[in-house]
Amino acid sequence: MAWIDLHLHSTCSDGAYAPAEVIAMAAEVGLAAAALADHDALDGIAEAQQAGQRLGIEVLSGVELSVVWNDLREIHLLGYGFDPQHPGLCAELDECRRYRMGRNGQILERVNDLLQEHGKAPLESAAVQERAQGTMGRPHIGMALVEAGYAESMDEAFNRYLVPCNVPKRDFAIDKAIELLHAAGGVAVLAHPPFITRNLRRLEAIVEEFLPMGLDGIEAWNSGGSNDEIDNWITLARRKGLIVTGGSDFHGTQPNLEIGRGYGNLRIPYTCVDEIRAALWRLNG
């Protein structure tokens, strides 16, 4: 059986490793296929795919879009198999990047104000940006706080500094996000269901809302679920005529979370790639 991981993050969003490094790690653990799914960013795809060609591992185009719908916030939508150069998608994500850069700069300013209120030296913006090696995000600020000794862990960095100093995000409406991915030739998959709800009936109702918008799949294999929950999400997807995908949501900053294995119970079959290909064929001919 060939195994895969289609939910990996790099320094192009809030991951700790460069795109080529992430793919090298995936190849090292013997995966047959992988995908970067950086937050609202396509910058790492070319580097990741070039690394995949060198290392003999298939690399799909991927992205994780931040979306909202009605009272639902912090929903993530995965896209696969799209054209990374598609003008419409690139334009929307360029605008998103500009907003995010401004937002993260404001968060850093607020964190530094809080540090100074407590008689502590502020973080150097250039040092945080260098750590990011790309688009600076809250995890990079968190890592800088831990390194400076202002927090003992990432959880403490978020709870003590980053949550109180947060600046609201600006996310896509999910119907627009699905439309963007389809226009770019890709499929749209609902990411990590347990981060939305663990109530299966509630999840089913949410999925039914998204079906008329063109939702293509559910990320059934994910690091937030037990084996029984994963089975339930697969069953839900099958009943709704959706594809299933899977990924660890690896950032390189979560203790004990491994590429391809999550927290130890993930084994994602290559058949997910076959399902993505079949869905792409149905969409694009």
C-alpha atoms as a PDB file:
ATOM      1  CA  MET A   1       0.000   0.000   0.000  1.00  0.00           C
ATOM      2  CA  ALA A   2       1.265   3.463  -0.904  1.00  0.00           C
ATOM      3  CA  TRP A   3       0.743   6.264   1.624  1.00  0.00           C
ATOM      4  CA  ILE A   4       0.372  10.024   1.253  1.00  0.00           C
ATOM      5  CA  ASP A   5      -0.024  13.315   3.143  1.00  0.00           C
ATOM      6  CA  LEU A   6      -1.940  16.120   1.435  1.00  0.00           C
ATOM      7  CA  HIS A   7      -1.925  18.735   4.206  1.00  0.00           C
ATOM      8  CA  LEU A   8       1.543  20.166   4.818  1.00  0.00           C
ATOM      9  CA  HIS A   9       2.599  23.725   5.645  1.00  0.00           C
ATOM     10  CA  SER A  10       5.821  25.556   4.817  1.00  0.00           C
ATOM     11  CA  THR A  11       7.444  28.901   5.513  1.00  0.00           C
ATOM     12  CA  CYS A  12       5.269  30.309   2.731  1.00  0.00           C
ATOM     13  CA  SER A  13       2.552  30.530   5.386  1.00  0.00           C
ATOM     14  CA  ASP A  14       2.995  29.486   9.017  1.00  0.00           C
ATOM     15  CA  GLY A  15       5.207  26.411   8.756  1.00  0.00           C
ATOM     16  CA  ALA A  16       8.710  26.041  10.146  1.00  0.00           C
ATOM     17  CA  TYR A  17      10.408  24.527   7.065  1.00  0.00           C
ATOM     18  CA  ALA A  18      10.934  25.668   3.487  1.00  0.00           C
ATOM     19  CA  PRO A  19       8.826  23.945   0.784  1.00  0.00           C
ATOM     20  CA  ALA A  20      11.683  21.781  -0.497  1.00  0.00           C
ATOM     21  CA  GLU A  21      12.553  20.729   3.060  1.00  0.00           C
ATOM     22  CA  VAL A  22       8.966  19.674   3.739  1.00  0.00           C
ATOM     23  CA  ILE A  23       8.879  17.524   0.603  1.00  0.00           C
ATOM     24  CA  ALA A  24      12.257  16.011   1.478  1.00  0.00           C
ATOM     25  CA  MET A  25      10.840  15.041   4.873  1.00  0.00           C
ATOM     26  CA  ALA A  26       7.811  13.477   3.174  1.00  0.00           C
ATOM     27  CA  ALA A  27      10.071  11.506   0.833  1.00  0.00           C
ATOM     28  CA  GLU A  28      12.260  10.416   3.743  1.00  0.00           C
ATOM     29  CA  VAL A  29       9.329   8.710   5.470  1.00  0.00           C
ATOM     30  CA  GLY A  30       8.448   6.915   2.235  1.00  0.00           C
ATOM     31  CA  LEU A  31       5.337   8.758   1.101  1.00  0.00           C
ATOM     32  CA  ALA A  32       4.229   8.308  -2.504  1.00  0.00           C
ATOM     33  CA  ALA A  33       2.502  11.696  -2.786  1.00  0.00           C
ATOM     34  CA  ALA A  34       2.236  14.956  -0.884  1.00  0.00           C
ATOM     35  CA  ALA A  35       0.829  18.461  -1.159  1.00  0.00           C
ATOM     36  CA  LEU A  36       1.674  21.776   0.410  1.00  0.00           C
ATOM     37  CA  ALA A  37      -1.513  23.394   1.683  1.00  0.00           C
ATOM     38  CA  ASP A  38      -0.197  26.755   2.794  1.00  0.00           C
ATOM     39  CA  HIS A  39      -2.694  29.261   4.146  1.00  0.00           C
ATOM     40  CA  ASP A  40      -3.986  31.470   1.315  1.00  0.00           C
ATOM     41  CA  ALA A  41      -0.615  31.168  -0.448  1.00  0.00           C
ATOM     42  CA  LEU A  42       0.644  29.482  -3.612  1.00  0.00           C
ATOM     43  CA  ASP A  43       4.270  30.622  -3.449  1.00  0.00           C
ATOM     44  CA  GLY A  44       5.748  27.299  -2.370  1.00  0.00           C
ATOM     45  CA  ILE A  45       4.109  25.049  -4.946  1.00  0.00           C
ATOM     46  CA  ALA A  46       6.747  25.368  -7.685  1.00  0.00           C
ATOM     47  CA  GLU A  47       9.622  24.734  -5.269  1.00  0.00           C
ATOM     48  CA  ALA A  48       7.776  21.787  -3.740  1.00  0.00           C
ATOM     49  CA  GLN A  49       7.030  20.213  -7.118  1.00  0.00           C
ATOM     50  CA  GLN A  50      10.622  20.665  -8.276  1.00  0.00           C
ATOM     51  CA  ALA A  51      11.792  18.951  -5.091  1.00  0.00           C
ATOM     52  CA  GLY A  52       9.287  16.175  -5.714  1.00  0.00           C
ATOM     53  CA  GLN A  53      10.678  15.570  -9.196  1.00  0.00           C
ATOM     54  CA  ARG A  54      14.209  15.300  -7.781  1.00  0.00           C
ATOM     55  CA  LEU A  55      13.184  12.994  -4.958  1.00  0.00           C
ATOM     56  CA  GLY A  56      10.673  10.802  -6.789  1.00  0.00           C
ATOM     57  CA  ILE A  57       7.581  11.838  -4.840  1.00  0.00           C
ATOM     58  CA  GLU A  58       4.413  13.115  -6.510  1.00  0.00           C
ATOM     59  CA  VAL A  59       3.478  16.649  -5.403  1.00  0.00           C
ATOM     60  CA  LEU A  60      -0.014  17.976  -6.084  1.00  0.00           C
ATOM     61  CA  SER A  61      -0.832  21.666  -6.191  1.00  0.00           C
ATOM     62  CA  GLY A  62      -2.560  22.561  -2.945  1.00  0.00           C
ATOM     63  CA  VAL A  63      -3.770  25.467  -0.826  1.00  0.00           C
ATOM     64  CA  GLU A  64      -5.752  26.015   2.373  1.00  0.00           C
ATOM     65  CA  LEU A  65      -8.198  28.898   2.108  1.00  0.00           C
ATOM     66  CA  SER A  66      -9.600  30.614   5.196  1.00  0.00           C
ATOM     67  CA  VAL A  67     -13.366  30.847   4.747  1.00  0.00           C
ATOM     68  CA  VAL A  68     -16.520  31.879   6.599  1.00  0.00           C
ATOM     69  CA  TRP A  69     -20.207  31.141   6.191  1.00  0.00           C
ATOM     70  CA  ASN A  70     -23.011  32.728   8.206  1.00  0.00           C
ATOM     71  CA  ASP A  71     -22.123  32.196  11.878  1.00  0.00           C
ATOM     72  CA  LEU A  72     -19.326  29.738  11.074  1.00  0.00           C
ATOM     73  CA  ARG A  73     -15.828  31.162  11.484  1.00  0.00           C
ATOM     74  CA  GLU A  74     -12.383  29.621  11.184  1.00  0.00           C
ATOM     75  CA  ILE A  75     -13.453  27.142   8.505  1.00  0.00           C
ATOM     76  CA  HIS A  76     -10.703  25.993   6.177  1.00  0.00           C
ATOM     77  CA  LEU A  77     -11.169  24.826   2.597  1.00  0.00           C
ATOM     78  CA  LEU A  78      -8.489  22.768   0.860  1.00  0.00           C
ATOM     79  CA  GLY A  79      -7.925  23.073  -2.865  1.00  0.00           C
ATOM     80  CA  TYR A  80      -6.112  20.473  -4.995  1.00  0.00           C
ATOM     81  CA  GLY A  81      -5.151  20.007  -8.622  1.00  0.00           C
ATOM     82  CA  PHE A  82      -5.665  23.627  -9.682  1.00  0.00           C
ATOM     83  CA  ASP A  83      -3.495  25.798 -11.929  1.00  0.00           C
ATOM     84  CA  PRO A  84      -1.155  27.730  -9.577  1.00  0.00           C
ATOM     85  CA  GLN A  85      -0.819  30.441 -12.237  1.00  0.00           C
ATOM     86  CA  HIS A  86      -4.556  31.004 -12.702  1.00  0.00           C
ATOM     87  CA  PRO A  87      -4.995  34.810 -12.919  1.00  0.00           C
ATOM     88  CA  GLY A  88      -8.211  35.012 -10.906  1.00  0.00           C
ATOM     89  CA  LEU A  89      -6.994  32.857  -8.038  1.00  0.00           C
ATOM     90  CA  CYS A  90      -3.592  34.560  -7.961  1.00  0.00           C
ATOM     91  CA  ALA A  91      -5.151  38.037  -7.893  1.00  0.00           C
ATOM     92  CA  GLU A  92      -7.412  37.147  -4.963  1.00  0.00           C
ATOM     93  CA  LEU A  93      -4.561  35.603  -2.991  1.00  0.00           C
ATOM     94  CA  ASP A  94      -2.243  38.540  -3.735  1.00  0.00           C
ATOM     95  CA  GLU A  95      -4.849  40.821  -2.173  1.00  0.00           C
ATOM     96  CA  CYS A  96      -5.148  38.419   0.748  1.00  0.00           C
ATOM     97  CA  ARG A  97      -1.367  38.476   1.205  1.00  0.00           C
ATOM     98  CA  ARG A  98      -1.271  42.265   1.315  1.00  0.00           C
ATOM     99  CA  TYR A  99      -3.948  42.327   3.992  1.00  0.00           C
ATOM    100  CA  ARG A 100      -2.259  39.551   5.975  1.00  0.00           C
ATOM    101  CA  MET A 101       1.110  41.299   5.930  1.00  0.00           C
ATOM    102  CA  GLY A 102      -0.501  44.436   7.326  1.00  0.00           C
ATOM    103  CA  ARG A 103      -2.448  42.438   9.899  1.00  0.00           C
ATOM    104  CA  ASN A 104       0.569  40.512  11.148  1.00  0.00           C
ATOM    105  CA  GLY A 105       2.577  43.714  11.391  1.00  0.00           C
ATOM    106  CA  GLN A 106      -0.179  45.184  13.563  1.00  0.00           C
ATOM    107  CA  ILE A 107      -0.200  42.069  15.762  1.00  0.00           C
ATOM    108  CA  LEU A 108       3.566  42.347  16.260  1.00  0.00           C
ATOM    109  CA  GLU A 109       3.182  46.009  17.203  1.00  0.00           C
ATOM    110  CA  ARG A 110       0.528  45.108  19.782  1.00  0.00           C
ATOM    111  CA  VAL A 111       2.675  42.302  21.193  1.00  0.00           C
ATOM    112  CA  ASN A 112       5.616  44.683  21.527  1.00  0.00           C
ATOM    113  CA  ASP A 113       3.433  47.276  23.242  1.00  0.00           C
ATOM    114  CA  LEU A 114       2.337  44.609  25.732  1.00  0.00           C
ATOM    115  CA  LEU A 115       5.933  43.508  26.312  1.00  0.00           C
ATOM    116  CA  GLN A 116       7.043  47.064  26.971  1.00  0.00           C
ATOM    117  CA  GLU A 117       4.155  47.596  29.388  1.00  0.00           C
ATOM    118  CA  HIS A 118       5.673  44.754  31.418  1.00  0.00           C
ATOM    119  CA  GLY A 119       9.203  46.142  31.181  1.00  0.00           C
ATOM    120  CA  LYS A 120      10.401  43.677  28.551  1.00  0.00           C
ATOM    121  CA  ALA A 121      12.382  44.386  25.406  1.00  0.00           C
ATOM    122  CA  PRO A 122      10.318  44.306  22.186  1.00  0.00           C
ATOM    123  CA  LEU A 123      10.811  41.698  19.487  1.00  0.00           C
ATOM    124  CA  GLU A 124      12.813  42.808  16.468  1.00  0.00           C
ATOM    125  CA  SER A 125      10.594  42.851  13.386  1.00  0.00           C
ATOM    126  CA  ALA A 126      13.489  41.898  11.094  1.00  0.00           C
ATOM    127  CA  ALA A 127      14.326  38.860  13.229  1.00  0.00           C
ATOM    128  CA  VAL A 128      10.724  37.623  13.191  1.00  0.00           C
ATOM    129  CA  GLN A 129      10.546  38.151   9.422  1.00  0.00           C
ATOM    130  CA  GLU A 130      13.810  36.259   8.923  1.00  0.00           C
ATOM    131  CA  ARG A 131      12.421  33.367  10.938  1.00  0.00           C
ATOM    132  CA  ALA A 132       9.354  33.298   8.694  1.00  0.00           C
ATOM    133  CA  GLN A 133      11.438  33.091   5.479  1.00  0.00           C
ATOM    134  CA  GLY A 134       8.301  34.224   3.695  1.00  0.00           C
ATOM    135  CA  THR A 135       4.952  35.517   4.904  1.00  0.00           C
ATOM    136  CA  MET A 136       5.129  36.283   8.610  1.00  0.00           C
ATOM    137  CA  GLY A 137       2.330  34.738  10.652  1.00  0.00           C
ATOM    138  CA  ARG A 138       1.320  34.492  14.279  1.00  0.00           C
ATOM    139  CA  PRO A 139       3.235  31.201  14.802  1.00  0.00           C
ATOM    140  CA  HIS A 140       6.467  32.952  13.795  1.00  0.00           C
ATOM    141  CA  ILE A 141       5.819  35.666  16.383  1.00  0.00           C
ATOM    142  CA  GLY A 142       5.014  32.912  18.871  1.00  0.00           C
ATOM    143  CA  MET A 143       8.295  31.117  18.168  1.00  0.00           C
ATOM    144  CA  ALA A 144      10.168  34.398  18.661  1.00  0.00           C
ATOM    145  CA  LEU A 145       8.427  34.869  22.024  1.00  0.00           C
ATOM    146  CA  VAL A 146       9.466  31.379  23.126  1.00  0.00           C
ATOM    147  CA  GLU A 147      13.031  31.907  21.918  1.00  0.00           C
ATOM    148  CA  ALA A 148      13.237  35.205  23.816  1.00  0.00           C
ATOM    149  CA  GLY A 149      12.126  33.479  27.015  1.00  0.00           C
ATOM    150  CA  TYR A 150       8.824  35.358  27.228  1.00  0.00           C
ATOM    151  CA  ALA A 151       6.857  32.105  26.997  1.00  0.00           C
ATOM    152  CA  GLU A 152       7.730  28.497  27.721  1.00  0.00           C
ATOM    153  CA  SER A 153       5.629  27.037  24.909  1.00  0.00           C
ATOM    154  CA  MET A 154       3.673  28.008  21.823  1.00  0.00           C
ATOM    155  CA  ASP A 155       0.439  27.528  23.761  1.00  0.00           C
ATOM    156  CA  GLU A 156       1.614  30.006  26.377  1.00  0.00           C
ATOM    157  CA  ALA A 157       2.775  32.441  23.681  1.00  0.00           C
ATOM    158  CA  PHE A 158      -0.680  32.389  22.119  1.00  0.00           C
ATOM    159  CA  ASN A 159      -2.626  32.586  25.368  1.00  0.00           C
ATOM    160  CA  ARG A 160      -0.496  35.289  26.982  1.00  0.00           C
ATOM    161  CA  TYR A 161       0.317  37.453  23.961  1.00  0.00           C
ATOM    162  CA  LEU A 162      -1.086  36.522  20.560  1.00  0.00           C
ATOM    163  CA  VAL A 163      -4.743  36.028  21.462  1.00  0.00           C
ATOM    164  CA  PRO A 164      -5.018  39.293  23.443  1.00  0.00           C
ATOM    165  CA  CYS A 165      -3.135  41.139  20.675  1.00  0.00           C
ATOM    166  CA  ASN A 166      -5.049  39.639  17.775  1.00  0.00           C
ATOM    167  CA  VAL A 167      -6.257  41.657  14.783  1.00  0.00           C
ATOM    168  CA  PRO A 168      -9.363  40.270  13.007  1.00  0.00           C
ATOM    169  CA  LYS A 169      -8.820  38.260   9.837  1.00  0.00           C
ATOM    170  CA  ARG A 170     -10.531  38.864   6.526  1.00  0.00           C
ATOM    171  CA  ASP A 171     -11.627  35.576   5.015  1.00  0.00           C
ATOM    172  CA  PHE A 172     -13.387  34.379   1.853  1.00  0.00           C
ATOM    173  CA  ALA A 173     -17.057  33.474   1.820  1.00  0.00           C
ATOM    174  CA  ILE A 174     -17.038  29.727   1.233  1.00  0.00           C
ATOM    175  CA  ASP A 175     -19.167  29.914  -1.915  1.00  0.00           C
ATOM    176  CA  LYS A 176     -16.684  32.359  -3.454  1.00  0.00           C
ATOM    177  CA  ALA A 177     -13.736  30.190  -2.391  1.00  0.00           C
ATOM    178  CA  ILE A 178     -15.241  27.101  -4.040  1.00  0.00           C
ATOM    179  CA  GLU A 179     -15.948  29.129  -7.168  1.00  0.00           C
ATOM    180  CA  LEU A 180     -12.332  30.367  -7.267  1.00  0.00           C
ATOM    181  CA  LEU A 181     -10.913  26.851  -6.956  1.00  0.00           C
ATOM    182  CA  HIS A 182     -13.220  25.448  -9.627  1.00  0.00           C
ATOM    183  CA  ALA A 183     -12.389  28.325 -11.986  1.00  0.00           C
ATOM    184  CA  ALA A 184      -8.704  27.483 -11.531  1.00  0.00           C
ATOM    185  CA  GLY A 185      -9.427  23.844 -12.405  1.00  0.00           C
ATOM    186  CA  GLY A 186      -9.216  22.455  -8.873  1.00  0.00           C
ATOM    187  CA  VAL A 187     -11.369  20.613  -6.361  1.00  0.00           C
ATOM    188  CA  ALA A 188     -12.618  21.996  -3.036  1.00  0.00           C
ATOM    189  CA  VAL A 189     -12.371  19.883   0.130  1.00  0.00           C
ATOM    190  CA  LEU A 190     -13.605  20.701   3.638  1.00  0.00           C
ATOM    191  CA  ALA A 191     -10.581  20.598   5.954  1.00  0.00           C
ATOM    192  CA  HIS A 192     -10.278  18.908   9.372  1.00  0.00           C
ATOM    193  CA  PRO A 193     -13.957  18.393  10.349  1.00  0.00           C
ATOM    194  CA  PRO A 194     -13.316  18.198  14.135  1.00  0.00           C
ATOM    195  CA  PHE A 195     -12.142  21.811  14.116  1.00  0.00           C
ATOM    196  CA  ILE A 196     -15.651  22.724  12.921  1.00  0.00           C
ATOM    197  CA  THR A 197     -17.689  20.348  15.093  1.00  0.00           C
ATOM    198  CA  ARG A 198     -17.438  16.849  16.531  1.00  0.00           C
ATOM    199  CA  ASN A 199     -21.210  16.492  16.374  1.00  0.00           C
ATOM    200  CA  LEU A 200     -21.765  14.278  13.332  1.00  0.00           C
ATOM    201  CA  ARG A 201     -25.335  15.446  12.748  1.00  0.00           C
ATOM    202  CA  ARG A 202     -24.249  19.076  12.904  1.00  0.00           C
ATOM    203  CA  LEU A 203     -21.404  18.355  10.480  1.00  0.00           C
ATOM    204  CA  GLU A 204     -23.802  16.625   8.090  1.00  0.00           C
ATOM    205  CA  ALA A 205     -26.094  19.670   8.149  1.00  0.00           C
ATOM    206  CA  ILE A 206     -23.128  21.946   7.396  1.00  0.00           C
ATOM    207  CA  VAL A 207     -21.973  19.721   4.533  1.00  0.00           C
ATOM    208  CA  GLU A 208     -25.482  19.753   3.083  1.00  0.00           C
ATOM    209  CA  GLU A 209     -25.359  23.567   3.051  1.00  0.00           C
ATOM    210  CA  PHE A 210     -22.122  23.453   1.067  1.00  0.00           C
ATOM    211  CA  LEU A 211     -23.159  20.796  -1.464  1.00  0.00           C
ATOM    212  CA  PRO A 212     -25.134  23.184  -3.724  1.00  0.00           C
ATOM    213  CA  MET A 213     -22.085  25.468  -3.772  1.00  0.00           C
ATOM    214  CA  GLY A 214     -20.018  22.676  -5.333  1.00  0.00           C
ATOM    215  CA  LEU A 215     -18.126  21.163  -2.398  1.00  0.00           C
ATOM    216  CA  ASP A 216     -16.153  18.185  -3.719  1.00  0.00           C
ATOM    217  CA  GLY A 217     -14.837  16.393  -0.658  1.00  0.00           C
ATOM    218  CA  ILE A 218     -14.073  16.007   3.038  1.00  0.00           C
ATOM    219  CA  GLU A 219     -10.648  15.646   4.659  1.00  0.00           C
ATOM    220  CA  ALA A 220     -11.649  12.483   6.499  1.00  0.00           C
ATOM    221  CA  TRP A 221      -8.130  11.491   7.547  1.00  0.00           C
ATOM    222  CA  ASN A 222      -6.819  14.263   9.794  1.00  0.00           C
ATOM    223  CA  SER A 223      -4.800  14.656  12.975  1.00  0.00           C
ATOM    224  CA  GLY A 224      -7.780  15.809  15.021  1.00  0.00           C
ATOM    225  CA  GLY A 225      -9.789  12.619  14.803  1.00  0.00           C
ATOM    226  CA  SER A 226      -9.906   9.191  16.396  1.00  0.00           C
ATOM    227  CA  ASN A 227     -10.074   6.108  14.197  1.00  0.00           C
ATOM    228  CA  ASP A 228     -13.823   5.826  14.822  1.00  0.00           C
ATOM    229  CA  GLU A 229     -14.364   9.481  13.884  1.00  0.00           C
ATOM    230  CA  ILE A 230     -12.345   9.035  10.701  1.00  0.00           C
ATOM    231  CA  ASP A 231     -14.578   6.090   9.763  1.00  0.00           C
ATOM    232  CA  ASN A 232     -17.656   8.245  10.403  1.00  0.00           C
ATOM    233  CA  TRP A 233     -16.358  11.062   8.194  1.00  0.00           C
ATOM    234  CA  ILE A 234     -15.559   8.618   5.394  1.00  0.00           C
ATOM    235  CA  THR A 235     -19.096   7.212   5.646  1.00  0.00           C
ATOM    236  CA  LEU A 236     -20.567  10.726   5.585  1.00  0.00           C
ATOM    237  CA  ALA A 237     -18.569  11.608   2.472  1.00  0.00           C
ATOM    238  CA  ARG A 238     -19.670   8.426   0.696  1.00  0.00           C
ATOM    239  CA  ARG A 239     -23.331   9.062   1.500  1.00  0.00           C
ATOM    240  CA  LYS A 240     -23.092  12.585   0.097  1.00  0.00           C
ATOM    241  CA  GLY A 241     -21.203  11.576  -3.052  1.00  0.00           C
ATOM    242  CA  LEU A 242     -18.019  13.362  -1.973  1.00  0.00           C
ATOM    243  CA  ILE A 243     -14.398  12.355  -2.323  1.00  0.00           C
ATOM    244  CA  VAL A 244     -12.226  11.755   0.740  1.00  0.00           C
ATOM    245  CA  THR A 245      -8.733  13.119   1.284  1.00  0.00           C
ATOM    246  CA  GLY A 246      -6.320  13.202   4.189  1.00  0.00           C
ATOM    247  CA  GLY A 247      -3.402  15.019   5.712  1.00  0.00           C
ATOM    248  CA  SER A 248      -1.547  15.580   8.956  1.00  0.00           C
ATOM    249  CA  ASP A 249      -1.702  19.413   8.998  1.00  0.00           C
ATOM    250  CA  PHE A 250       2.049  19.378   9.624  1.00  0.00           C
ATOM    251  CA  HIS A 251       3.607  22.748  10.493  1.00  0.00           C
ATOM    252  CA  GLY A 252       6.837  21.576  12.093  1.00  0.00           C
ATOM    253  CA  THR A 253       5.919  23.270  15.361  1.00  0.00           C
ATOM    254  CA  GLN A 254       3.506  20.771  16.945  1.00  0.00           C
ATOM    255  CA  PRO A 255       5.191  18.321  19.355  1.00  0.00           C
ATOM    256  CA  ASN A 256       4.802  14.670  18.334  1.00  0.00           C
ATOM    257  CA  LEU A 257       2.928  15.425  15.084  1.00  0.00           C
ATOM    258  CA  GLU A 258       4.662  13.649  12.199  1.00  0.00           C
ATOM    259  CA  ILE A 259       4.332  13.906   8.434  1.00  0.00           C
ATOM    260  CA  GLY A 260       2.221  11.051   7.140  1.00  0.00           C
ATOM    261  CA  ARG A 261       1.291   9.820  10.623  1.00  0.00           C
ATOM    262  CA  GLY A 262      -0.184  12.781  12.489  1.00  0.00           C
ATOM    263  CA  TYR A 263      -0.173  11.813  16.157  1.00  0.00           C
ATOM    264  CA  GLY A 264       0.406   8.188  15.247  1.00  0.00           C
ATOM    265  CA  ASN A 265      -2.955   6.932  14.006  1.00  0.00           C
ATOM    266  CA  LEU A 266      -2.935   8.323  10.456  1.00  0.00           C
ATOM    267  CA  ARG A 267      -2.263   6.180   7.401  1.00  0.00           C
ATOM    268  CA  ILE A 268      -3.678   7.923   4.348  1.00  0.00           C
ATOM    269  CA  PRO A 269      -4.009   5.715   1.251  1.00  0.00           C
ATOM    270  CA  TYR A 270      -2.934   6.751  -2.232  1.00  0.00           C
ATOM    271  CA  THR A 271      -6.486   6.082  -3.396  1.00  0.00           C
ATOM    272  CA  CYS A 272      -7.238   9.647  -2.219  1.00  0.00           C
ATOM    273  CA  VAL A 273      -5.104  10.922  -5.103  1.00  0.00           C
ATOM    274  CA  ASP A 274      -7.054   8.694  -7.480  1.00  0.00           C
ATOM    275  CA  GLU A 275     -10.295  10.198  -6.158  1.00  0.00           C
ATOM    276  CA  ILE A 276      -8.969  13.727  -6.660  1.00  0.00           C
ATOM    277  CA  ARG A 277      -7.983  12.880 -10.241  1.00  0.00           C
ATOM    278  CA  ALA A 278     -11.432  11.438 -10.960  1.00  0.00           C
ATOM    279  CA  ALA A 279     -13.108  14.542  -9.523  1.00  0.00           C
ATOM    280  CA  LEU A 280     -10.843  16.790 -11.599  1.00  0.00           C
ATOM    281  CA  TRP A 281     -11.795  14.844 -14.708  1.00  0.00           C
ATOM    282  CA  ARG A 282     -15.495  15.260 -13.909  1.00  0.00           C
ATOM    283  CA  LEU A 283     -15.033  19.006 -13.393  1.00  0.00           C
ATOM    284  CA  ASN A 284     -12.736  19.764 -16.302  1.00  0.00           C
ATOM    285  CA  GLY A 285     -13.256  16.952 -18.780  1.00  0.00           C
END
